[in-house]
Amino acid sequence: MSKEMQELQKQWHSMVQSIHSNSNVVAFMNSCVGQYLDDHPFVALSLLMFIAVSAIPVAFFLIFVVTTAIMACISVIVMEGVVIAIGGIALLCVLCGLGALSLGVSGVLSVCYVVLSALVNYWYASRGQIRKQEVNGSFSQKSPSVLDLSANNGKNE
């Protein structure tokens, strides 16, 4: 044999020796499964080939699982963001509607207050005129009712 081949054989032999001297390999070879595979090399080779060939589909499946899990997490975050955005827009619309409603109700209440206060002031002013007329004595013996006085004031104006 050539010198290179002998060198390659020595490297191979040292690598096999290091594998056989590994404590995990020794423990496996002393087990029942290791002894069975040592006695049946065809089964060991078939198992080794199955593991080697199935590594690629298993790797693709694991990549698919991890990718799907990452995409699910991202989509949950995106979906949560969309739901929060829609909820925020709905809340903004409701608050704008409530603001417009409160402006309308406060406007109606303000108008009612102004009208009622004017009516109350007019009523008290009319009663004050009636009392002044009673005090001055220019009021006739028979005092007309308040409604009659307001009716007369309506004609005079």
Protein backbone atom coordinates (compact mmCIF):
# COMPACT_ATOMS: atom_id res chain seq x y z
CA MET A 1 0.00 0.00 0.00
CA SER A 2 1.01 3.50 -0.52
CA LYS A 3 2.18 5.73 2.26
CA GLU A 4 -0.91 7.97 2.02
CA MET A 5 -3.22 4.98 2.32
CA GLN A 6 -1.41 3.77 5.42
CA GLU A 7 -1.69 7.25 6.92
CA LEU A 8 -5.39 7.30 6.17
CA GLN A 9 -5.81 3.85 7.71
CA LYS A 10 -4.02 4.97 10.90
CA GLN A 11 -6.29 8.03 11.19
CA TRP A 12 -9.36 5.87 10.64
CA HIS A 13 -8.15 3.36 13.24
CA SER A 14 -7.50 6.11 15.80
CA MET A 15 -10.95 7.61 15.17
CA VAL A 16 -12.64 4.20 15.62
CA GLN A 17 -10.55 3.61 18.74
CA SER A 18 -11.63 6.97 20.20
CA ILE A 19 -15.27 6.13 19.48
CA HIS A 20 -14.96 2.70 21.11
CA SER A 21 -13.24 4.18 24.14
CA ASN A 22 -15.99 6.79 24.68
CA SER A 23 -17.84 6.07 27.94
CA ASN A 24 -21.30 6.57 26.39
CA VAL A 25 -20.50 4.14 23.55
CA VAL A 26 -19.15 1.57 26.01
CA ALA A 27 -22.31 1.88 28.12
CA PHE A 28 -24.50 1.48 25.00
CA MET A 29 -22.55 -1.54 23.75
CA ASN A 30 -22.90 -3.23 27.16
CA SER A 31 -26.69 -2.79 27.05
CA CYS A 32 -29.05 -5.38 25.54
CA VAL A 33 -29.77 -3.26 22.46
CA GLY A 34 -26.07 -2.67 21.82
CA GLN A 35 -25.25 -6.37 22.11
CA TYR A 36 -28.16 -7.26 19.79
CA LEU A 37 -26.97 -4.75 17.17
CA ASP A 38 -23.40 -6.02 17.53
CA ASP A 39 -24.60 -9.57 16.86
CA HIS A 40 -26.86 -8.50 13.92
CA PRO A 41 -24.96 -6.04 11.70
CA PHE A 42 -27.65 -6.00 8.97
CA VAL A 43 -30.24 -4.70 11.49
CA ALA A 44 -27.72 -2.12 12.77
CA LEU A 45 -27.00 -0.93 9.21
CA SER A 46 -30.73 -0.78 8.39
CA LEU A 47 -31.40 1.24 11.57
CA LEU A 48 -28.51 3.57 10.79
CA MET A 49 -29.78 4.11 7.23
CA PHE A 50 -33.34 4.74 8.48
CA ILE A 51 -32.09 7.35 10.96
CA ALA A 52 -29.92 9.03 8.31
CA VAL A 53 -32.67 9.10 5.68
CA SER A 54 -35.42 10.22 8.08
CA ALA A 55 -33.33 13.10 9.43
CA ILE A 56 -34.19 15.38 6.49
CA PRO A 57 -38.02 14.98 6.66
CA VAL A 58 -37.92 15.31 10.45
CA ALA A 59 -35.82 18.48 10.11
CA PHE A 60 -38.29 19.91 7.57
CA PHE A 61 -41.20 19.04 9.88
CA LEU A 62 -39.50 20.73 12.85
CA ILE A 63 -38.77 23.81 10.74
CA PHE A 64 -42.44 23.85 9.70
CA VAL A 65 -43.57 23.55 13.34
CA VAL A 66 -41.28 26.34 14.53
CA THR A 67 -42.24 28.58 11.61
CA THR A 68 -45.94 27.95 12.21
CA ALA A 69 -45.56 28.70 15.92
CA ILE A 70 -43.71 31.94 15.19
CA MET A 71 -46.29 32.98 12.60
CA ALA A 72 -49.11 32.16 15.03
CA CYS A 73 -47.53 34.37 17.68
CA ILE A 74 -47.01 37.19 15.20
CA SER A 75 -50.55 36.87 13.87
CA VAL A 76 -51.96 36.91 17.41
CA ILE A 77 -50.03 40.11 18.08
CA VAL A 78 -51.20 41.64 14.80
CA MET A 79 -54.77 40.49 15.39
CA GLU A 80 -54.70 41.93 18.89
CA GLY A 81 -53.43 45.21 17.48
CA VAL A 82 -56.22 45.28 14.90
CA VAL A 83 -58.86 44.53 17.53
CA ILE A 84 -57.48 47.24 19.83
CA ALA A 85 -57.40 49.72 16.93
CA ILE A 86 -61.01 48.94 15.98
CA GLY A 87 -62.04 49.22 19.63
CA GLY A 88 -60.26 52.56 19.92
CA ILE A 89 -61.96 53.91 16.82
CA ALA A 90 -65.34 52.70 18.11
CA LEU A 91 -64.67 54.34 21.47
CA LEU A 92 -63.71 57.59 19.72
CA CYS A 93 -66.94 57.52 17.70
CA VAL A 94 -69.04 56.86 20.81
CA LEU A 95 -67.30 59.66 22.72
CA CYS A 96 -67.80 62.10 19.81
CA GLY A 97 -71.48 61.15 19.70
CA LEU A 98 -71.82 61.62 23.44
CA GLY A 99 -70.10 65.01 23.16
CA ALA A 100 -72.52 66.13 20.45
CA LEU A 101 -75.45 64.80 22.48
CA SER A 102 -74.28 66.62 25.61
CA LEU A 103 -73.89 69.87 23.63
CA GLY A 104 -77.43 69.48 22.31
CA VAL A 105 -78.92 68.66 25.71
CA SER A 106 -77.05 71.54 27.39
CA GLY A 107 -78.27 73.89 24.64
CA VAL A 108 -81.87 72.81 25.15
CA LEU A 109 -81.53 73.13 28.92
CA SER A 110 -79.95 76.60 28.54
CA VAL A 111 -82.81 77.77 26.33
CA CYS A 112 -85.34 76.33 28.81
CA TYR A 113 -83.56 78.12 31.67
CA VAL A 114 -83.57 81.46 29.86
CA VAL A 115 -87.23 81.13 28.89
CA LEU A 116 -88.35 80.02 32.35
CA SER A 117 -86.34 82.73 34.09
CA ALA A 118 -87.86 85.36 31.78
CA LEU A 119 -91.34 84.01 32.51
CA VAL A 120 -90.71 83.97 36.26
CA ASN A 121 -89.30 87.52 36.16
CA TYR A 122 -92.30 88.71 34.14
CA TRP A 123 -94.70 87.02 36.58
CA TYR A 124 -93.03 88.59 39.62
CA ALA A 125 -92.92 91.98 37.88
CA SER A 126 -96.66 91.73 37.14
CA ARG A 127 -97.41 90.87 40.77
CA GLY A 128 -95.28 93.80 41.87
CA GLN A 129 -97.32 96.18 39.70
CA ILE A 130 -100.56 94.83 41.16
CA ARG A 131 -99.30 95.43 44.71
CA LYS A 132 -98.16 98.94 43.85
CA GLN A 133 -101.60 99.71 42.50
CA GLU A 134 -103.23 98.35 45.67
CA VAL A 135 -100.93 100.45 47.83
CA ASN A 136 -101.54 103.62 45.78
CA GLY A 137 -105.31 103.05 45.99
CA SER A 138 -105.82 103.54 42.29
CA PHE A 139 -107.03 100.01 42.10
CA SER A 140 -110.82 99.67 42.00
CA GLN A 141 -112.80 98.01 44.73
CA LYS A 142 -113.13 94.81 42.85
CA SER A 143 -109.63 93.46 42.11
CA PRO A 144 -109.32 91.64 38.84
CA SER A 145 -107.56 88.32 38.84
CA VAL A 146 -103.95 87.96 37.81
CA LEU A 147 -104.99 86.31 34.59
CA ASP A 148 -107.14 89.29 33.67
CA LEU A 149 -104.24 91.64 34.32
CA SER A 150 -101.90 89.60 32.14
CA ALA A 151 -104.54 89.58 29.43
CA ASN A 152 -104.82 93.38 29.64
CA ASN A 153 -101.05 93.77 29.51
CA GLY A 154 -101.03 91.64 26.38
CA LYS A 155 -103.55 94.02 24.74
CA ASN A 156 -101.63 97.13 25.75
CA GLU A 157 -98.39 95.94 24.24
